[in-house]
Amino acid sequence: MTRSPETQPQKLPAQSAGTDKKKKITLETVFPDNPAWQPLRIDPAVGERMAYDGLIGGYGCCYGAFYSIIGQMAELHGAPYNEFPFHVMKAGRGGVGGWESTCGALLGAAFAYGLFYEKKEHNELVRELFYWHDTTPLPIYRPATNCKLDVELPSCTIGNVLCTTSKVRWAHASGFPVKSKERSERCARLTADVARKAIEILNAKIDGSFVPTVDKKAAIQYTVDVG
């Protein structure tokens, strides 16, 4: 059978074993092109409430952050944004399936960026957002209305993108148990904070005013006590 031009094996450069020379390898999978989606300006204030509602509504932090961006575009502009299967983002709740790995709110925002930008630009946006998350005392947001737990909550700098580390460090700093209504409320508010910042970064990128401030090598280094 003769392949059509669209389904011909793709050639990519690769490092040959034991040498610095590049050689061609053949991919046996033909991957589709990215859809022609364009990023659109949206409202950070609206987004933070959407993100908060996503978590307290049971959809999860990843869903809430993602919907605050793509869902807002969908509600304002319809297709193609409203054609995204949003339910898949529920998989990111609790650090992906409750495994408490990378914070779901950060994942949701990173996935939203990925719908519009390729590697270099995408990495710049993600670094900006993740570094801000790691170095900013959070949470900041407190809903003016319909707050699930309307109490004052302390903020602290987490310095880590891991869900479980974030919860434990905040619990230690605040004095509230990890498994408490206060900690759950904190995560809802943090999801709102991440969504707002992610939208501000995206809007700046769209406007042409975004200037990366985080160096590629500035990722916070984590140490593990194995003793």
Protein backbone atom coordinates (compact mmCIF):
# COMPACT_ATOMS: atom_id res chain seq x y z
CA MET A 1 0.00 0.00 0.00
CA THR A 2 1.33 3.43 -0.92
CA ARG A 3 1.17 6.04 1.80
CA SER A 4 -0.26 9.45 1.04
CA PRO A 5 2.14 12.40 1.48
CA GLU A 6 0.39 13.24 4.78
CA THR A 7 1.10 9.79 6.20
CA GLN A 8 4.66 9.24 5.02
CA PRO A 9 7.07 8.29 7.85
CA GLN A 10 8.57 11.38 9.41
CA LYS A 11 12.32 11.86 9.55
CA LEU A 12 13.84 13.37 12.67
CA PRO A 13 17.49 13.99 13.63
CA ALA A 14 18.83 11.83 16.42
CA GLN A 15 22.13 11.20 18.17
CA SER A 16 23.81 8.02 16.99
CA ALA A 17 25.27 5.85 19.73
CA GLY A 18 28.84 6.67 20.65
CA THR A 19 29.23 9.60 18.26
CA ASP A 20 28.34 13.25 18.03
CA LYS A 21 26.98 12.83 14.51
CA LYS A 22 23.27 13.09 13.87
CA LYS A 23 21.41 10.51 11.86
CA LYS A 24 17.89 10.23 10.56
CA ILE A 25 15.42 7.94 12.25
CA THR A 26 11.98 6.98 11.01
CA LEU A 27 8.93 7.53 13.16
CA GLU A 28 6.30 4.87 12.65
CA THR A 29 3.63 7.13 14.12
CA VAL A 30 2.22 10.09 12.23
CA PHE A 31 1.21 12.80 14.68
CA PRO A 32 -1.47 15.36 13.83
CA ASP A 33 -0.75 19.04 13.43
CA ASN A 34 -1.82 21.39 16.20
CA PRO A 35 -5.27 22.95 15.73
CA ALA A 36 -5.33 26.58 14.72
CA TRP A 37 -6.35 27.99 18.09
CA GLN A 38 -5.54 31.58 18.95
CA PRO A 39 -5.13 32.90 22.52
CA LEU A 40 -7.58 35.64 23.46
CA ARG A 41 -7.52 38.20 26.26
CA ILE A 42 -9.66 37.30 29.24
CA ASP A 43 -10.48 38.78 32.65
CA PRO A 44 -8.20 37.74 35.57
CA ALA A 45 -10.88 38.66 38.14
CA VAL A 46 -13.47 36.48 36.43
CA GLY A 47 -10.91 33.72 36.05
CA GLU A 48 -9.98 33.58 39.71
CA ARG A 49 -13.61 33.07 40.71
CA MET A 50 -14.05 30.38 38.06
CA ALA A 51 -10.98 28.58 39.37
CA TYR A 52 -12.19 28.80 42.97
CA ASP A 53 -15.60 27.42 41.98
CA GLY A 54 -13.92 24.60 40.09
CA LEU A 55 -12.29 23.27 43.22
CA ILE A 56 -15.11 23.78 45.72
CA GLY A 57 -17.55 22.42 43.12
CA GLY A 58 -15.73 19.10 43.08
CA TYR A 59 -14.11 19.43 39.65
CA GLY A 60 -10.62 19.81 41.08
CA CYS A 61 -7.80 22.33 41.01
CA CYS A 62 -6.48 21.35 37.57
CA TYR A 63 -9.94 21.61 36.01
CA GLY A 64 -10.61 24.90 37.79
CA ALA A 65 -7.40 26.57 36.62
CA PHE A 66 -7.74 25.26 33.06
CA TYR A 67 -11.41 26.24 32.80
CA SER A 68 -10.68 29.71 34.12
CA ILE A 69 -8.66 30.24 30.92
CA ILE A 70 -10.08 28.07 28.13
CA GLY A 71 -13.57 27.92 29.62
CA GLN A 72 -13.68 31.68 29.83
CA MET A 73 -12.72 31.90 26.14
CA ALA A 74 -15.40 29.30 25.40
CA GLU A 75 -18.10 31.25 27.22
CA LEU A 76 -17.13 34.47 25.45
CA HIS A 77 -16.33 33.23 21.95
CA GLY A 78 -17.74 29.74 21.46
CA ALA A 79 -15.91 27.47 19.00
CA PRO A 80 -13.30 26.10 18.94
CA TYR A 81 -12.77 26.71 22.66
CA ASN A 82 -16.10 25.20 23.70
CA GLU A 83 -15.24 22.01 21.79
CA PHE A 84 -12.52 21.03 24.22
CA PRO A 85 -13.42 17.98 26.36
CA PHE A 86 -13.03 19.78 29.69
CA HIS A 87 -13.87 16.70 31.76
CA VAL A 88 -10.43 15.27 31.01
CA MET A 89 -8.89 17.94 33.23
CA LYS A 90 -10.49 16.32 36.27
CA ALA A 91 -7.62 13.82 36.08
CA GLY A 92 -5.27 16.48 37.46
CA ARG A 93 -7.04 16.87 40.79
CA GLY A 94 -4.99 16.30 43.93
CA GLY A 95 -1.66 16.37 42.11
CA VAL A 96 -2.89 14.00 39.35
CA GLY A 97 -5.37 11.37 40.43
CA GLY A 98 -4.83 12.13 44.10
CA TRP A 99 -1.16 11.10 43.83
CA GLU A 100 -0.15 14.55 45.14
CA SER A 101 2.61 15.16 42.61
CA THR A 102 2.68 18.47 40.70
CA CYS A 103 0.06 20.97 41.90
CA GLY A 104 -3.05 20.55 39.75
CA ALA A 105 -3.65 24.29 39.50
CA LEU A 106 -0.21 24.78 37.95
CA LEU A 107 -0.78 21.84 35.61
CA GLY A 108 -4.10 23.26 34.44
CA ALA A 109 -2.54 26.59 33.57
CA ALA A 110 0.44 24.92 31.85
CA PHE A 111 -1.90 22.77 29.75
CA ALA A 112 -3.88 25.87 28.74
CA TYR A 113 -0.69 27.59 27.59
CA GLY A 114 0.15 24.47 25.61
CA LEU A 115 -2.90 24.93 23.40
CA PHE A 116 -1.36 28.09 21.97
CA TYR A 117 2.41 28.02 22.29
CA GLU A 118 5.21 25.68 21.30
CA LYS A 119 8.20 24.65 23.39
CA LYS A 120 10.31 27.82 23.73
CA GLU A 121 7.46 30.24 24.38
CA HIS A 122 5.51 27.70 26.41
CA ASN A 123 8.49 27.04 28.66
CA GLU A 124 8.94 30.78 29.26
CA LEU A 125 5.33 31.20 30.37
CA VAL A 126 5.44 28.13 32.61
CA ARG A 127 8.72 29.18 34.24
CA GLU A 128 7.27 32.62 34.97
CA LEU A 129 4.15 31.16 36.57
CA PHE A 130 5.86 28.38 38.52
CA TYR A 131 8.58 30.65 39.89
CA TRP A 132 5.95 33.17 40.98
CA HIS A 133 4.05 30.36 42.73
CA ASP A 134 7.16 29.14 44.53
CA THR A 135 8.27 32.58 45.75
CA THR A 136 5.00 34.34 46.60
CA PRO A 137 3.16 34.08 49.95
CA LEU A 138 -0.12 32.35 49.14
CA PRO A 139 -3.08 32.29 49.31
CA ILE A 140 -4.00 35.90 48.50
CA TYR A 141 -7.54 35.53 47.19
CA ARG A 142 -10.59 35.62 49.45
CA PRO A 143 -14.02 35.49 47.78
CA ALA A 144 -16.19 38.51 48.47
CA THR A 145 -19.35 36.38 48.16
CA ASN A 146 -20.28 32.71 48.44
CA CYS A 147 -17.09 31.76 50.23
CA LYS A 148 -17.24 28.12 51.23
CA LEU A 149 -15.30 28.76 54.45
CA ASP A 150 -15.36 32.47 55.20
CA VAL A 151 -12.38 32.73 57.54
CA GLU A 152 -9.07 34.54 57.56
CA LEU A 153 -6.29 32.23 56.38
CA PRO A 154 -2.56 32.84 56.74
CA SER A 155 -0.29 32.97 53.70
CA CYS A 156 3.16 31.49 53.36
CA THR A 157 5.83 30.87 50.74
CA ILE A 158 5.92 27.21 49.72
CA GLY A 159 9.01 27.06 47.50
CA ASN A 160 7.85 23.86 45.82
CA VAL A 161 5.41 22.83 43.08
CA LEU A 162 4.50 19.48 44.64
CA CYS A 163 0.96 19.14 45.93
CA THR A 164 1.84 17.14 49.03
CA THR A 165 4.74 19.45 49.97
CA SER A 166 2.54 22.49 49.47
CA LYS A 167 -0.14 21.14 51.78
CA VAL A 168 2.26 20.03 54.50
CA ARG A 169 4.29 23.23 54.53
CA TRP A 170 1.19 25.40 54.66
CA ALA A 171 -0.26 23.26 57.44
CA HIS A 172 2.96 23.55 59.41
CA ALA A 173 3.10 27.34 58.96
CA SER A 174 -0.59 27.91 59.67
CA GLY A 175 -1.13 25.42 62.48
CA PHE A 176 -4.14 23.85 60.76
CA PRO A 177 -4.11 20.09 60.10
CA VAL A 178 -3.44 18.91 56.56
CA LYS A 179 -6.83 17.20 56.60
CA SER A 180 -8.95 20.15 57.62
CA LYS A 181 -11.61 22.41 56.13
CA GLU A 182 -9.17 25.31 56.43
CA ARG A 183 -6.54 23.55 54.34
CA SER A 184 -9.12 22.63 51.70
CA GLU A 185 -10.25 26.26 51.57
CA ARG A 186 -6.63 27.32 51.28
CA CYS A 187 -6.17 25.12 48.18
CA ALA A 188 -9.30 26.58 46.58
CA ARG A 189 -7.99 30.09 47.12
CA LEU A 190 -4.53 29.13 45.89
CA THR A 191 -6.12 27.73 42.72
CA ALA A 192 -7.76 31.11 42.22
CA ASP A 193 -4.41 32.87 42.75
CA VAL A 194 -2.67 30.65 40.20
CA ALA A 195 -5.45 31.22 37.68
CA ARG A 196 -5.30 34.98 38.05
CA LYS A 197 -1.53 35.11 37.65
CA ALA A 198 -1.64 32.69 34.71
CA ILE A 199 -4.17 34.92 32.95
CA GLU A 200 -2.15 38.06 33.64
CA ILE A 201 0.90 36.38 32.10
CA LEU A 202 -1.15 35.20 29.10
CA ASN A 203 -2.66 38.65 28.53
CA ALA A 204 0.81 40.21 28.59
CA LYS A 205 1.99 37.62 26.06
CA ILE A 206 -0.93 38.44 23.78
CA ASP A 207 -0.33 42.20 24.13
CA GLY A 208 3.35 41.81 23.35
CA SER A 209 4.36 43.22 26.74
CA PHE A 210 5.50 39.93 28.27
CA VAL A 211 9.21 39.88 29.07
CA PRO A 212 10.59 36.69 30.64
CA THR A 213 12.21 37.43 33.99
CA VAL A 214 13.12 33.90 35.10
CA ASP A 215 16.35 32.39 33.87
CA LYS A 216 16.26 28.88 32.38
CA LYS A 217 18.59 27.66 35.11
CA ALA A 218 16.75 29.38 37.95
CA ALA A 219 14.50 26.44 38.80
CA ILE A 220 14.45 25.88 42.53
CA GLN A 221 16.55 22.84 43.43
CA TYR A 222 14.97 20.27 45.71
CA THR A 223 16.88 18.07 48.10
CA VAL A 224 15.71 14.76 49.47
CA ASP A 225 16.79 13.54 52.87
CA VAL A 226 17.58 9.87 52.38
CA GLY A 227 19.40 9.42 55.66
